PDB file of N, CA and C in Angstrom:
ATOM      1  N   MET A   1      -6.764  12.862 -10.969  1.00  0.00           N
ATOM      2  CA  MET A   1      -8.120  12.381 -11.072  1.00  0.00           C
ATOM      3  C   MET A   1      -8.229  10.875 -10.874  1.00  0.00           C
ATOM      4  N   ALA A   2      -7.276  10.119 -11.399  1.00  0.00           N
ATOM      5  CA  ALA A   2      -7.344   8.657 -11.317  1.00  0.00           C
ATOM      6  C   ALA A   2      -7.354   8.171  -9.878  1.00  0.00           C
ATOM      7  N   ASN A   3      -6.678   8.896  -9.002  1.00  0.00           N
ATOM      8  CA  ASN A   3      -6.591   8.458  -7.612  1.00  0.00           C
ATOM      9  C   ASN A   3      -7.927   8.539  -6.879  1.00  0.00           C
ATOM     10  N   ARG A   4      -8.859   9.302  -7.396  1.00  0.00           N
ATOM     11  CA  ARG A   4     -10.152   9.478  -6.736  1.00  0.00           C
ATOM     12  C   ARG A   4     -10.924   8.159  -6.606  1.00  0.00           C
ATOM     13  N   ASN A   5     -10.706   7.229  -7.506  1.00  0.00           N
ATOM     14  CA  ASN A   5     -11.494   5.998  -7.553  1.00  0.00           C
ATOM     15  C   ASN A   5     -10.870   4.823  -6.804  1.00  0.00           C
ATOM     16  N   VAL A   6      -9.783   5.060  -6.101  1.00  0.00           N
ATOM     17  CA  VAL A   6      -9.039   3.990  -5.441  1.00  0.00           C
ATOM     18  C   VAL A   6      -9.525   3.798  -4.009  1.00  0.00           C
ATOM     19  N   ARG A   7      -9.629   2.534  -3.614  1.00  0.00           N
ATOM     20  CA  ARG A   7     -10.012   2.166  -2.246  1.00  0.00           C
ATOM     21  C   ARG A   7      -9.015   1.143  -1.724  1.00  0.00           C
ATOM     22  N   LEU A   8      -8.642   1.284  -0.450  1.00  0.00           N
ATOM     23  CA  LEU A   8      -7.757   0.330   0.195  1.00  0.00           C
ATOM     24  C   LEU A   8      -8.211   0.129   1.629  1.00  0.00           C
ATOM     25  N   ALA A   9      -8.379  -1.126   2.013  1.00  0.00           N
ATOM     26  CA  ALA A   9      -8.676  -1.475   3.405  1.00  0.00           C
ATOM     27  C   ALA A   9      -7.571  -2.403   3.884  1.00  0.00           C
ATOM     28  N   LEU A  10      -6.984  -2.061   5.023  1.00  0.00           N
ATOM     29  CA  LEU A  10      -5.908  -2.850   5.625  1.00  0.00           C
ATOM     30  C   LEU A  10      -6.418  -3.474   6.909  1.00  0.00           C
ATOM     31  N   TRP A  11      -6.029  -4.732   7.167  1.00  0.00           N
ATOM     32  CA  TRP A  11      -6.413  -5.419   8.409  1.00  0.00           C
ATOM     33  C   TRP A  11      -5.175  -5.931   9.132  1.00  0.00           C
ATOM     34  N   SER A  12      -5.250  -5.947  10.450  1.00  0.00           N
ATOM     35  CA  SER A  12      -4.146  -6.466  11.256  1.00  0.00           C
ATOM     36  C   SER A  12      -4.150  -7.986  11.317  1.00  0.00           C
ATOM     37  N   GLY A  13      -5.298  -8.607  11.079  1.00  0.00           N
ATOM     38  CA  GLY A  13      -5.402 -10.066  11.107  1.00  0.00           C
ATOM     39  C   GLY A  13      -5.569 -10.660   9.725  1.00  0.00           C
ATOM     40  N   THR A  14      -5.251 -11.935   9.596  1.00  0.00           N
ATOM     41  CA  THR A  14      -5.494 -12.630   8.330  1.00  0.00           C
ATOM     42  C   THR A  14      -6.992 -12.762   8.102  1.00  0.00           C
ATOM     43  N   ASN A  15      -7.371 -13.026   6.879  1.00  0.00           N
ATOM     44  CA  ASN A  15      -8.773 -13.206   6.498  1.00  0.00           C
ATOM     45  C   ASN A  15      -9.637 -12.004   6.851  1.00  0.00           C
ATOM     46  N   PHE A  16      -9.053 -10.801   6.741  1.00  0.00           N
ATOM     47  CA  PHE A  16      -9.789  -9.553   6.900  1.00  0.00           C
ATOM     48  C   PHE A  16     -10.404  -9.421   8.296  1.00  0.00           C
ATOM     49  N   THR A  17      -9.607  -9.716   9.309  1.00  0.00           N
ATOM     50  CA  THR A  17     -10.041  -9.629  10.703  1.00  0.00           C
ATOM     51  C   THR A  17      -9.128  -8.670  11.466  1.00  0.00           C
ATOM     52  N   GLY A  18      -9.514  -8.336  12.665  1.00  0.00           N
ATOM     53  CA  GLY A  18      -8.713  -7.472  13.522  1.00  0.00           C
ATOM     54  C   GLY A  18      -8.948  -6.006  13.218  1.00  0.00           C
ATOM     55  N   ARG A  19      -7.988  -5.187  13.618  1.00  0.00           N
ATOM     56  CA  ARG A  19      -8.074  -3.747  13.362  1.00  0.00           C
ATOM     57  C   ARG A  19      -8.084  -3.468  11.874  1.00  0.00           C
ATOM     58  N   ARG A  20      -8.819  -2.422  11.492  1.00  0.00           N
ATOM     59  CA  ARG A  20      -8.934  -2.067  10.076  1.00  0.00           C
ATOM     60  C   ARG A  20      -8.696  -0.575   9.884  1.00  0.00           C
ATOM     61  N   ILE A  21      -8.002  -0.258   8.822  1.00  0.00           N
ATOM     62  CA  ILE A  21      -7.825   1.126   8.377  1.00  0.00           C
ATOM     63  C   ILE A  21      -8.300   1.180   6.933  1.00  0.00           C
ATOM     64  N   VAL A  22      -9.085   2.209   6.590  1.00  0.00           N
ATOM     65  CA  VAL A  22      -9.631   2.328   5.239  1.00  0.00           C
ATOM     66  C   VAL A  22      -9.190   3.653   4.616  1.00  0.00           C
ATOM     67  N   PHE A  23      -8.707   3.582   3.380  1.00  0.00           N
ATOM     68  CA  PHE A  23      -8.381   4.756   2.585  1.00  0.00           C
ATOM     69  C   PHE A  23      -9.371   4.769   1.430  1.00  0.00           C
ATOM     70  N   ARG A  24     -10.167   5.829   1.324  1.00  0.00           N
ATOM     71  CA  ARG A  24     -11.246   5.865   0.335  1.00  0.00           C
ATOM     72  C   ARG A  24     -10.955   6.730  -0.878  1.00  0.00           C
ATOM     73  N   ARG A  25      -9.904   7.502  -0.850  1.00  0.00           N
ATOM     74  CA  ARG A  25      -9.623   8.389  -1.975  1.00  0.00           C
ATOM     75  C   ARG A  25      -8.381   7.978  -2.751  1.00  0.00           C
ATOM     76  N   GLY A  26      -7.582   7.103  -2.194  1.00  0.00           N
ATOM     77  CA  GLY A  26      -6.391   6.656  -2.908  1.00  0.00           C
ATOM     78  C   GLY A  26      -5.362   7.748  -3.068  1.00  0.00           C
ATOM     79  N   GLY A  27      -4.340   7.452  -3.835  1.00  0.00           N
ATOM     80  CA  GLY A  27      -3.283   8.410  -4.053  1.00  0.00           C
ATOM     81  C   GLY A  27      -2.634   8.830  -2.759  1.00  0.00           C
ATOM     82  N   VAL A  28      -2.144   7.849  -2.007  1.00  0.00           N
ATOM     83  CA  VAL A  28      -1.561   8.133  -0.705  1.00  0.00           C
ATOM     84  C   VAL A  28      -0.253   7.366  -0.540  1.00  0.00           C
ATOM     85  N   ALA A  29       0.680   8.007   0.153  1.00  0.00           N
ATOM     86  CA  ALA A  29       1.954   7.378   0.496  1.00  0.00           C
ATOM     87  C   ALA A  29       2.144   7.566   2.002  1.00  0.00           C
ATOM     88  N   VAL A  30       2.225   6.474   2.726  1.00  0.00           N
ATOM     89  CA  VAL A  30       2.409   6.537   4.176  1.00  0.00           C
ATOM     90  C   VAL A  30       3.858   6.191   4.474  1.00  0.00           C
ATOM     91  N   ARG A  31       4.605   7.184   4.948  1.00  0.00           N
ATOM     92  CA  ARG A  31       6.027   7.001   5.239  1.00  0.00           C
ATOM     93  C   ARG A  31       6.286   6.105   6.434  1.00  0.00           C
ATOM     94  N   ASP A  32       5.359   6.096   7.387  1.00  0.00           N
ATOM     95  CA  ASP A  32       5.551   5.308   8.608  1.00  0.00           C
ATOM     96  C   ASP A  32       4.183   4.889   9.134  1.00  0.00           C
ATOM     97  N   LEU A  33       3.873   3.601   9.028  1.00  0.00           N
ATOM     98  CA  LEU A  33       2.579   3.121   9.510  1.00  0.00           C
ATOM     99  C   LEU A  33       2.443   3.258  11.025  1.00  0.00           C
ATOM    100  N   GLY A  34       3.530   3.585  11.708  1.00  0.00           N
ATOM    101  CA  GLY A  34       3.450   3.895  13.134  1.00  0.00           C
ATOM    102  C   GLY A  34       2.536   5.082  13.395  1.00  0.00           C
ATOM    103  N   ALA A  35       2.339   5.942  12.395  1.00  0.00           N
ATOM    104  CA  ALA A  35       1.429   7.079  12.525  1.00  0.00           C
ATOM    105  C   ALA A  35       0.002   6.613  12.804  1.00  0.00           C
ATOM    106  N   PHE A  36      -0.311   5.399  12.401  1.00  0.00           N
ATOM    107  CA  PHE A  36      -1.636   4.815  12.618  1.00  0.00           C
ATOM    108  C   PHE A  36      -1.586   3.686  13.649  1.00  0.00           C
ATOM    109  N   ARG A  37      -0.436   3.534  14.301  1.00  0.00           N
ATOM    110  CA  ARG A  37      -0.199   2.402  15.212  1.00  0.00           C
ATOM    111  C   ARG A  37      -0.447   1.083  14.473  1.00  0.00           C
ATOM    112  N   PHE A  38       0.091   1.014  13.261  1.00  0.00           N
ATOM    113  CA  PHE A  38      -0.136  -0.142  12.389  1.00  0.00           C
ATOM    114  C   PHE A  38       1.177  -0.694  11.849  1.00  0.00           C
ATOM    115  N   ASN A  39       2.296  -0.288  12.432  1.00  0.00           N
ATOM    116  CA  ASN A  39       3.606  -0.725  11.956  1.00  0.00           C
ATOM    117  C   ASN A  39       3.813  -2.215  12.226  1.00  0.00           C
ATOM    118  N   ASN A  40       4.225  -2.937  11.204  1.00  0.00           N
ATOM    119  CA  ASN A  40       4.536  -4.373  11.289  1.00  0.00           C
ATOM    120  C   ASN A  40       3.383  -5.249  11.780  1.00  0.00           C
ATOM    121  N   ILE A  41       2.139  -4.855  11.503  1.00  0.00           N
ATOM    122  CA  ILE A  41       1.004  -5.716  11.875  1.00  0.00           C
ATOM    123  C   ILE A  41       0.048  -5.989  10.715  1.00  0.00           C
ATOM    124  N   LEU A  42       0.354  -5.487   9.514  1.00  0.00           N
ATOM    125  CA  LEU A  42      -0.524  -5.711   8.361  1.00  0.00           C
ATOM    126  C   LEU A  42      -0.501  -7.183   7.960  1.00  0.00           C
ATOM    127  N   SER A  43      -1.706  -7.791   7.893  1.00  0.00           N
ATOM    128  CA  SER A  43      -1.809  -9.212   7.544  1.00  0.00           C
ATOM    129  C   SER A  43      -2.703  -9.482   6.334  1.00  0.00           C
ATOM    130  N   SER A  44      -3.649  -8.588   6.035  1.00  0.00           N
ATOM    131  CA  SER A  44      -4.532  -8.787   4.888  1.00  0.00           C
ATOM    132  C   SER A  44      -5.025  -7.429   4.391  1.00  0.00           C
ATOM    133  N   PHE A  45      -5.466  -7.394   3.125  1.00  0.00           N
ATOM    134  CA  PHE A  45      -5.968  -6.135   2.573  1.00  0.00           C
ATOM    135  C   PHE A  45      -6.909  -6.399   1.406  1.00  0.00           C
ATOM    136  N   ARG A  46      -7.705  -5.372   1.100  1.00  0.00           N
ATOM    137  CA  ARG A  46      -8.533  -5.334  -0.109  1.00  0.00           C
ATOM    138  C   ARG A  46      -8.172  -4.060  -0.859  1.00  0.00           C
ATOM    139  N   LEU A  47      -7.855  -4.223  -2.132  1.00  0.00           N
ATOM    140  CA  LEU A  47      -7.409  -3.142  -2.996  1.00  0.00           C
ATOM    141  C   LEU A  47      -8.361  -3.062  -4.171  1.00  0.00           C
ATOM    142  N   ASN A  48      -8.815  -1.834  -4.514  1.00  0.00           N
ATOM    143  CA  ASN A  48      -9.819  -1.727  -5.559  1.00  0.00           C
ATOM    144  C   ASN A  48      -9.754  -0.366  -6.240  1.00  0.00           C
ATOM    145  N   ASN A  49      -9.895  -0.371  -7.550  1.00  0.00           N
ATOM    146  CA  ASN A  49     -10.186   0.831  -8.307  1.00  0.00           C
ATOM    147  C   ASN A  49     -11.600   0.625  -8.811  1.00  0.00           C
ATOM    148  N   VAL A  50     -12.539   1.426  -8.336  1.00  0.00           N
ATOM    149  CA  VAL A  50     -13.955   1.189  -8.606  1.00  0.00           C
ATOM    150  C   VAL A  50     -14.362   1.508 -10.040  1.00  0.00           C
ATOM    151  N   VAL A  51     -13.522   2.190 -10.807  1.00  0.00           N
ATOM    152  CA  VAL A  51     -13.847   2.528 -12.194  1.00  0.00           C
ATOM    153  C   VAL A  51     -13.067   1.664 -13.178  1.00  0.00           C
ATOM    154  N   GLN A  52     -11.755   1.559 -12.988  1.00  0.00           N
ATOM    155  CA  GLN A  52     -10.901   0.747 -13.862  1.00  0.00           C
ATOM    156  C   GLN A  52     -10.105  -0.201 -12.975  1.00  0.00           C
ATOM    157  N   SER A  53     -10.592  -1.419 -12.835  1.00  0.00           N
ATOM    158  CA  SER A  53     -10.030  -2.343 -11.847  1.00  0.00           C
ATOM    159  C   SER A  53      -8.544  -2.632 -12.035  1.00  0.00           C
ATOM    160  N   ALA A  54      -8.035  -2.536 -13.249  1.00  0.00           N
ATOM    161  CA  ALA A  54      -6.618  -2.823 -13.478  1.00  0.00           C
ATOM    162  C   ALA A  54      -5.721  -1.644 -13.125  1.00  0.00           C
ATOM    163  N   GLN A  55      -6.301  -0.464 -12.986  1.00  0.00           N
ATOM    164  CA  GLN A  55      -5.510   0.754 -12.804  1.00  0.00           C
ATOM    165  C   GLN A  55      -5.319   1.113 -11.327  1.00  0.00           C
ATOM    166  N   VAL A  56      -4.567   0.275 -10.630  1.00  0.00           N
ATOM    167  CA  VAL A  56      -4.231   0.559  -9.241  1.00  0.00           C
ATOM    168  C   VAL A  56      -2.971  -0.218  -8.889  1.00  0.00           C
ATOM    169  N   THR A  57      -2.101   0.408  -8.103  1.00  0.00           N
ATOM    170  CA  THR A  57      -0.880  -0.248  -7.644  1.00  0.00           C
ATOM    171  C   THR A  57      -0.692   0.041  -6.166  1.00  0.00           C
ATOM    172  N   LEU A  58      -0.398  -1.013  -5.425  1.00  0.00           N
ATOM    173  CA  LEU A  58      -0.045  -0.902  -4.010  1.00  0.00           C
ATOM    174  C   LEU A  58       1.344  -1.496  -3.848  1.00  0.00           C
ATOM    175  N   VAL A  59       2.255  -0.713  -3.259  1.00  0.00           N
ATOM    176  CA  VAL A  59       3.607  -1.197  -2.978  1.00  0.00           C
ATOM    177  C   VAL A  59       3.802  -1.152  -1.469  1.00  0.00           C
ATOM    178  N   LEU A  60       4.040  -2.317  -0.872  1.00  0.00           N
ATOM    179  CA  LEU A  60       4.299  -2.430   0.553  1.00  0.00           C
ATOM    180  C   LEU A  60       5.805  -2.516   0.775  1.00  0.00           C
ATOM    181  N   PHE A  61       6.314  -1.745   1.728  1.00  0.00           N
ATOM    182  CA  PHE A  61       7.746  -1.740   2.042  1.00  0.00           C
ATOM    183  C   PHE A  61       7.970  -2.229   3.466  1.00  0.00           C
ATOM    184  N   SER A  62       9.081  -2.930   3.690  1.00  0.00           N
ATOM    185  CA  SER A  62       9.380  -3.492   5.007  1.00  0.00           C
ATOM    186  C   SER A  62       9.969  -2.468   5.978  1.00  0.00           C
ATOM    187  N   GLN A  63      10.430  -1.337   5.453  1.00  0.00           N
ATOM    188  CA  GLN A  63      10.995  -0.299   6.314  1.00  0.00           C
ATOM    189  C   GLN A  63      10.259   1.015   6.087  1.00  0.00           C
ATOM    190  N   THR A  64      10.403   1.929   7.016  1.00  0.00           N
ATOM    191  CA  THR A  64       9.796   3.248   6.861  1.00  0.00           C
ATOM    192  C   THR A  64      10.449   3.980   5.699  1.00  0.00           C
ATOM    193  N   ASN A  65       9.778   5.033   5.256  1.00  0.00           N
ATOM    194  CA  ASN A  65      10.274   5.887   4.169  1.00  0.00           C
ATOM    195  C   ASN A  65      10.514   5.136   2.861  1.00  0.00           C
ATOM    196  N   PHE A  66       9.693   4.099   2.616  1.00  0.00           N
ATOM    197  CA  PHE A  66       9.694   3.364   1.350  1.00  0.00           C
ATOM    198  C   PHE A  66      11.027   2.670   1.087  1.00  0.00           C
ATOM    199  N   ARG A  67      11.591   2.113   2.122  1.00  0.00           N
ATOM    200  CA  ARG A  67      12.887   1.422   2.040  1.00  0.00           C
ATOM    201  C   ARG A  67      12.712  -0.055   2.358  1.00  0.00           C
ATOM    202  N   GLY A  68      13.778  -0.811   2.206  1.00  0.00           N
ATOM    203  CA  GLY A  68      13.773  -2.236   2.537  1.00  0.00           C
ATOM    204  C   GLY A  68      13.188  -3.078   1.432  1.00  0.00           C
ATOM    205  N   SER A  69      12.868  -4.311   1.773  1.00  0.00           N
ATOM    206  CA  SER A  69      12.255  -5.190   0.774  1.00  0.00           C
ATOM    207  C   SER A  69      10.823  -4.718   0.516  1.00  0.00           C
ATOM    208  N   PHE A  70      10.262  -5.148  -0.602  1.00  0.00           N
ATOM    209  CA  PHE A  70       8.915  -4.687  -0.950  1.00  0.00           C
ATOM    210  C   PHE A  70       8.157  -5.754  -1.713  1.00  0.00           C
ATOM    211  N   ARG A  71       6.835  -5.590  -1.738  1.00  0.00           N
ATOM    212  CA  ARG A  71       5.942  -6.429  -2.528  1.00  0.00           C
ATOM    213  C   ARG A  71       5.027  -5.502  -3.302  1.00  0.00           C
ATOM    214  N   VAL A  72       4.781  -5.838  -4.568  1.00  0.00           N
ATOM    215  CA  VAL A  72       3.963  -5.020  -5.458  1.00  0.00           C
ATOM    216  C   VAL A  72       2.679  -5.764  -5.788  1.00  0.00           C
ATOM    217  N   PHE A  73       1.557  -5.060  -5.698  1.00  0.00           N
ATOM    218  CA  PHE A  73       0.251  -5.618  -6.049  1.00  0.00           C
ATOM    219  C   PHE A  73      -0.381  -4.666  -7.057  1.00  0.00           C
ATOM    220  N   ARG A  74      -0.640  -5.186  -8.259  1.00  0.00           N
ATOM    221  CA  ARG A  74      -1.236  -4.382  -9.327  1.00  0.00           C
ATOM    222  C   ARG A  74      -2.613  -4.933  -9.646  1.00  0.00           C
ATOM    223  N   GLY A  75      -3.566  -4.036  -9.820  1.00  0.00           N
ATOM    224  CA  GLY A  75      -4.935  -4.430 -10.137  1.00  0.00           C
ATOM    225  C   GLY A  75      -5.738  -4.693  -8.876  1.00  0.00           C
ATOM    226  N   SER A  76      -7.054  -4.531  -8.999  1.00  0.00           N
ATOM    227  CA  SER A  76      -7.947  -4.757  -7.865  1.00  0.00           C
ATOM    228  C   SER A  76      -7.833  -6.202  -7.396  1.00  0.00           C
ATOM    229  N   GLN A  77      -7.728  -6.387  -6.085  1.00  0.00           N
ATOM    230  CA  GLN A  77      -7.596  -7.735  -5.537  1.00  0.00           C
ATOM    231  C   GLN A  77      -7.777  -7.735  -4.025  1.00  0.00           C
ATOM    232  N   SER A  78      -8.026  -8.915  -3.506  1.00  0.00           N
ATOM    233  CA  SER A  78      -8.094  -9.135  -2.069  1.00  0.00           C
ATOM    234  C   SER A  78      -7.025 -10.144  -1.700  1.00  0.00           C
ATOM    235  N   VAL A  79      -6.245  -9.821  -0.685  1.00  0.00           N
ATOM    236  CA  VAL A  79      -5.211 -10.727  -0.190  1.00  0.00           C
ATOM    237  C   VAL A  79      -5.552 -11.049   1.255  1.00  0.00           C
ATOM    238  N   ALA A  80      -5.961 -12.291   1.492  1.00  0.00           N
ATOM    239  CA  ALA A  80      -6.423 -12.703   2.812  1.00  0.00           C
ATOM    240  C   ALA A  80      -5.292 -13.020   3.773  1.00  0.00           C
ATOM    241  N   ASN A  81      -4.094 -13.282   3.244  1.00  0.00           N
ATOM    242  CA  ASN A  81      -2.980 -13.639   4.116  1.00  0.00           C
ATOM    243  C   ASN A  81      -1.663 -13.239   3.445  1.00  0.00           C
ATOM    244  N   LEU A  82      -1.055 -12.181   3.953  1.00  0.00           N
ATOM    245  CA  LEU A  82       0.227 -11.741   3.389  1.00  0.00           C
ATOM    246  C   LEU A  82       1.343 -12.740   3.669  1.00  0.00           C
ATOM    247  N   GLY A  83       1.102 -13.707   4.537  1.00  0.00           N
ATOM    248  CA  GLY A  83       2.065 -14.779   4.755  1.00  0.00           C
ATOM    249  C   GLY A  83       2.318 -15.558   3.477  1.00  0.00           C
ATOM    250  N   SER A  84       1.337 -15.607   2.598  1.00  0.00           N
ATOM    251  CA  SER A  84       1.497 -16.283   1.310  1.00  0.00           C
ATOM    252  C   SER A  84       2.548 -15.600   0.444  1.00  0.00           C
ATOM    253  N   PHE A  85       2.859 -14.346   0.762  1.00  0.00           N
ATOM    254  CA  PHE A  85       3.861 -13.573   0.031  1.00  0.00           C
ATOM    255  C   PHE A  85       5.104 -13.325   0.897  1.00  0.00           C
ATOM    256  N   ASN A  86       5.209 -14.061   2.002  1.00  0.00           N
ATOM    257  CA  ASN A  86       6.299 -13.860   2.975  1.00  0.00           C
ATOM    258  C   ASN A  86       6.383 -12.418   3.432  1.00  0.00           C
ATOM    259  N   PHE A  87       5.215 -11.788   3.658  1.00  0.00           N
ATOM    260  CA  PHE A  87       5.194 -10.378   4.044  1.00  0.00           C
ATOM    261  C   PHE A  87       4.208 -10.112   5.176  1.00  0.00           C
ATOM    262  N   ASN A  88       3.829 -11.128   5.937  1.00  0.00           N
ATOM    263  CA  ASN A  88       2.904 -10.937   7.053  1.00  0.00           C
ATOM    264  C   ASN A  88       3.602 -10.219   8.203  1.00  0.00           C
ATOM    265  N   ASN A  89       2.950  -9.210   8.749  1.00  0.00           N
ATOM    266  CA  ASN A  89       3.475  -8.434   9.883  1.00  0.00           C
ATOM    267  C   ASN A  89       4.842  -7.830   9.585  1.00  0.00           C
ATOM    268  N   VAL A  90       5.042  -7.373   8.360  1.00  0.00           N
ATOM    269  CA  VAL A  90       6.327  -6.834   7.923  1.00  0.00           C
ATOM    270  C   VAL A  90       6.228  -5.369   7.483  1.00  0.00           C
ATOM    271  N   THR A  91       5.073  -4.929   7.008  1.00  0.00           N
ATOM    272  CA  THR A  91       4.937  -3.629   6.350  1.00  0.00           C
ATOM    273  C   THR A  91       5.109  -2.457   7.306  1.00  0.00           C
ATOM    274  N   SER A  92       5.994  -1.520   6.908  1.00  0.00           N
ATOM    275  CA  SER A  92       6.212  -0.297   7.681  1.00  0.00           C
ATOM    276  C   SER A  92       5.844   0.971   6.908  1.00  0.00           C
ATOM    277  N   SER A  93       5.751   0.879   5.580  1.00  0.00           N
ATOM    278  CA  SER A  93       5.342   2.019   4.758  1.00  0.00           C
ATOM    279  C   SER A  93       4.734   1.489   3.464  1.00  0.00           C
ATOM    280  N   PHE A  94       3.976   2.348   2.775  1.00  0.00           N
ATOM    281  CA  PHE A  94       3.406   1.917   1.496  1.00  0.00           C
ATOM    282  C   PHE A  94       3.108   3.102   0.601  1.00  0.00           C
ATOM    283  N   VAL A  95       2.944   2.776  -0.695  1.00  0.00           N
ATOM    284  CA  VAL A  95       2.531   3.746  -1.718  1.00  0.00           C
ATOM    285  C   VAL A  95       1.334   3.148  -2.439  1.00  0.00           C
ATOM    286  N   LEU A  96       0.287   3.961  -2.605  1.00  0.00           N
ATOM    287  CA  LEU A  96      -0.943   3.547  -3.282  1.00  0.00           C
ATOM    288  C   LEU A  96      -1.274   4.582  -4.342  1.00  0.00           C
ATOM    289  N   VAL A  97      -1.425   4.144  -5.596  1.00  0.00           N
ATOM    290  CA  VAL A  97      -1.794   5.062  -6.678  1.00  0.00           C
ATOM    291  C   VAL A  97      -2.849   4.422  -7.570  1.00  0.00           C
ATOM    292  N   GLY A  98      -3.630   5.274  -8.236  1.00  0.00           N
ATOM    293  CA  GLY A  98      -4.689   4.822  -9.120  1.00  0.00           C
ATOM    294  C   GLY A  98      -4.234   4.646 -10.547  1.00  0.00           C
ATOM    295  N   ARG A  99      -3.083   4.023 -10.722  1.00  0.00           N
ATOM    296  CA  ARG A  99      -2.549   3.675 -12.041  1.00  0.00           C
ATOM    297  C   ARG A  99      -1.546   2.550 -11.848  1.00  0.00           C
ATOM    298  N   ARG A 100      -1.032   2.028 -12.929  1.00  0.00           N
ATOM    299  CA  ARG A 100      -0.045   0.951 -12.840  1.00  0.00           C
ATOM    300  C   ARG A 100       1.358   1.556 -12.796  1.00  0.00           C
ATOM    301  N   LEU A 101       2.010   1.452 -11.641  1.00  0.00           N
ATOM    302  CA  LEU A 101       3.395   1.901 -11.539  1.00  0.00           C
ATOM    303  C   LEU A 101       4.297   0.899 -12.249  1.00  0.00           C
ATOM    304  N   THR A 102       5.295   1.399 -12.945  1.00  0.00           N
ATOM    305  CA  THR A 102       6.263   0.511 -13.595  1.00  0.00           C
ATOM    306  C   THR A 102       7.304   0.058 -12.577  1.00  0.00           C
ATOM    307  N   ASN A 103       8.031  -0.985 -12.911  1.00  0.00           N
ATOM    308  CA  ASN A 103       9.115  -1.443 -12.038  1.00  0.00           C
ATOM    309  C   ASN A 103      10.167  -0.353 -11.867  1.00  0.00           C
ATOM    310  N   GLU A 104      10.403   0.431 -12.911  1.00  0.00           N
ATOM    311  CA  GLU A 104      11.368   1.525 -12.833  1.00  0.00           C
ATOM    312  C   GLU A 104      10.900   2.600 -11.861  1.00  0.00           C
ATOM    313  N   GLU A 105       9.614   2.938 -11.889  1.00  0.00           N
ATOM    314  CA  GLU A 105       9.082   3.932 -10.960  1.00  0.00           C
ATOM    315  C   GLU A 105       9.198   3.442  -9.517  1.00  0.00           C
ATOM    316  N   ILE A 106       8.936   2.166  -9.306  1.00  0.00           N
ATOM    317  CA  ILE A 106       9.030   1.604  -7.957  1.00  0.00           C
ATOM    318  C   ILE A 106      10.477   1.609  -7.471  1.00  0.00           C
ATOM    319  N   ALA A 107      11.408   1.259  -8.349  1.00  0.00           N
ATOM    320  CA  ALA A 107      12.828   1.294  -7.983  1.00  0.00           C
ATOM    321  C   ALA A 107      13.257   2.717  -7.631  1.00  0.00           C
ATOM    322  N   ARG A 108      12.744   3.703  -8.349  1.00  0.00           N
ATOM    323  CA  ARG A 108      13.069   5.107  -8.061  1.00  0.00           C
ATOM    324  C   ARG A 108      12.511   5.525  -6.702  1.00  0.00           C
ATOM    325  N   ILE A 109      11.280   5.107  -6.395  1.00  0.00           N
ATOM    326  CA  ILE A 109      10.685   5.414  -5.092  1.00  0.00           C
ATOM    327  C   ILE A 109      11.557   4.830  -3.986  1.00  0.00           C
ATOM    328  N   GLN A 110      11.968   3.581  -4.157  1.00  0.00           N
ATOM    329  CA  GLN A 110      12.761   2.916  -3.128  1.00  0.00           C
ATOM    330  C   GLN A 110      14.143   3.561  -2.985  1.00  0.00           C
ATOM    331  N   SER A 111      14.783   3.897  -4.084  1.00  0.00           N
ATOM    332  CA  SER A 111      16.148   4.438  -4.004  1.00  0.00           C
ATOM    333  C   SER A 111      16.184   5.877  -3.504  1.00  0.00           C
ATOM    334  N   THR A 112      15.148   6.662  -3.813  1.00  0.00           N
ATOM    335  CA  THR A 112      15.141   8.068  -3.404  1.00  0.00           C
ATOM    336  C   THR A 112      14.304   8.333  -2.157  1.00  0.00           C
ATOM    337  N   GLY A 113      13.397   7.407  -1.821  1.00  0.00           N
ATOM    338  CA  GLY A 113      12.480   7.648  -0.704  1.00  0.00           C
ATOM    339  C   GLY A 113      11.423   8.685  -1.035  1.00  0.00           C
ATOM    340  N   THR A 114      11.223   8.927  -2.333  1.00  0.00           N
ATOM    341  CA  THR A 114      10.279   9.947  -2.785  1.00  0.00           C
ATOM    342  C   THR A 114       9.135   9.301  -3.559  1.00  0.00           C
ATOM    343  N   PRO A 115       7.902   9.453  -3.087  1.00  0.00           N
ATOM    344  CA  PRO A 115       6.755   8.876  -3.802  1.00  0.00           C
ATOM    345  C   PRO A 115       6.389   9.705  -5.029  1.00  0.00           C
ATOM    346  N   PRO A 116       5.478   9.211  -5.871  1.00  0.00           N
ATOM    347  CA  PRO A 116       5.024   9.993  -7.027  1.00  0.00           C
ATOM    348  C   PRO A 116       4.466  11.343  -6.578  1.00  0.00           C
ATOM    349  N   ARG A 117       4.536  12.328  -7.438  1.00  0.00           N
ATOM    350  CA  ARG A 117       4.114  13.691  -7.089  1.00  0.00           C
ATOM    351  C   ARG A 117       2.620  13.845  -6.887  1.00  0.00           C
ATOM    352  N   ASP A 118       1.819  12.971  -7.455  1.00  0.00           N
ATOM    353  CA  ASP A 118       0.373  13.162  -7.424  1.00  0.00           C
ATOM    354  C   ASP A 118      -0.311  12.466  -6.252  1.00  0.00           C
ATOM    355  N   VAL A 119       0.406  12.244  -5.151  1.00  0.00           N
ATOM    356  CA  VAL A 119      -0.186  11.547  -4.003  1.00  0.00           C
ATOM    357  C   VAL A 119      -0.024  12.378  -2.728  1.00  0.00           C
ATOM    358  N   LEU A 120      -0.913  12.132  -1.795  1.00  0.00           N
ATOM    359  CA  LEU A 120      -0.830  12.719  -0.465  1.00  0.00           C
ATOM    360  C   LEU A 120       0.196  11.928   0.332  1.00  0.00           C
ATOM    361  N   VAL A 121       1.148  12.608   0.946  1.00  0.00           N
ATOM    362  CA  VAL A 121       2.177  11.934   1.746  1.00  0.00           C
ATOM    363  C   VAL A 121       1.844  12.121   3.226  1.00  0.00           C
ATOM    364  N   ILE A 122       1.766  11.005   3.932  1.00  0.00           N
ATOM    365  CA  ILE A 122       1.490  11.031   5.371  1.00  0.00           C
ATOM    366  C   ILE A 122       2.771  10.661   6.104  1.00  0.00           C
ATOM    367  N   ARG A 123       3.168  11.547   6.998  1.00  0.00           N
ATOM    368  CA  ARG A 123       4.370  11.317   7.813  1.00  0.00           C
ATOM    369  C   ARG A 123       3.937  11.116   9.247  1.00  0.00           C
ATOM    370  N   GLN A 124       4.846  10.585  10.057  1.00  0.00           N
ATOM    371  CA  GLN A 124       4.490  10.439  11.467  1.00  0.00           C
ATOM    372  C   GLN A 124       4.792  11.710  12.194  1.00  0.00           C
TER     373      GLN A 124
END
């Protein structure tokens, strides 16, 4: 149920410009952004839980299948330039959930390549 209130918009350009992909239901894990022709071009995003703003987590991974280096964003927020996090044009996969993932849960996702059970998994 918590995932129903999650929104994510991804942009290929900084400052919310360029190509955009929007996820309106949340609770999604994309194994390979190449499925959307969006691999290694993510530059900015808006993340929101419309009911409980603190209850959302986005984990961006540098490699497909939730591998490689990663950046974690918890709580509703807008990031105009992922370069500020040394992650511009780097993202190849991500996990989005309508709750706060713990560091242990994120480490498990990365080590096993398996997202939480309550999310839709998109493969290429």
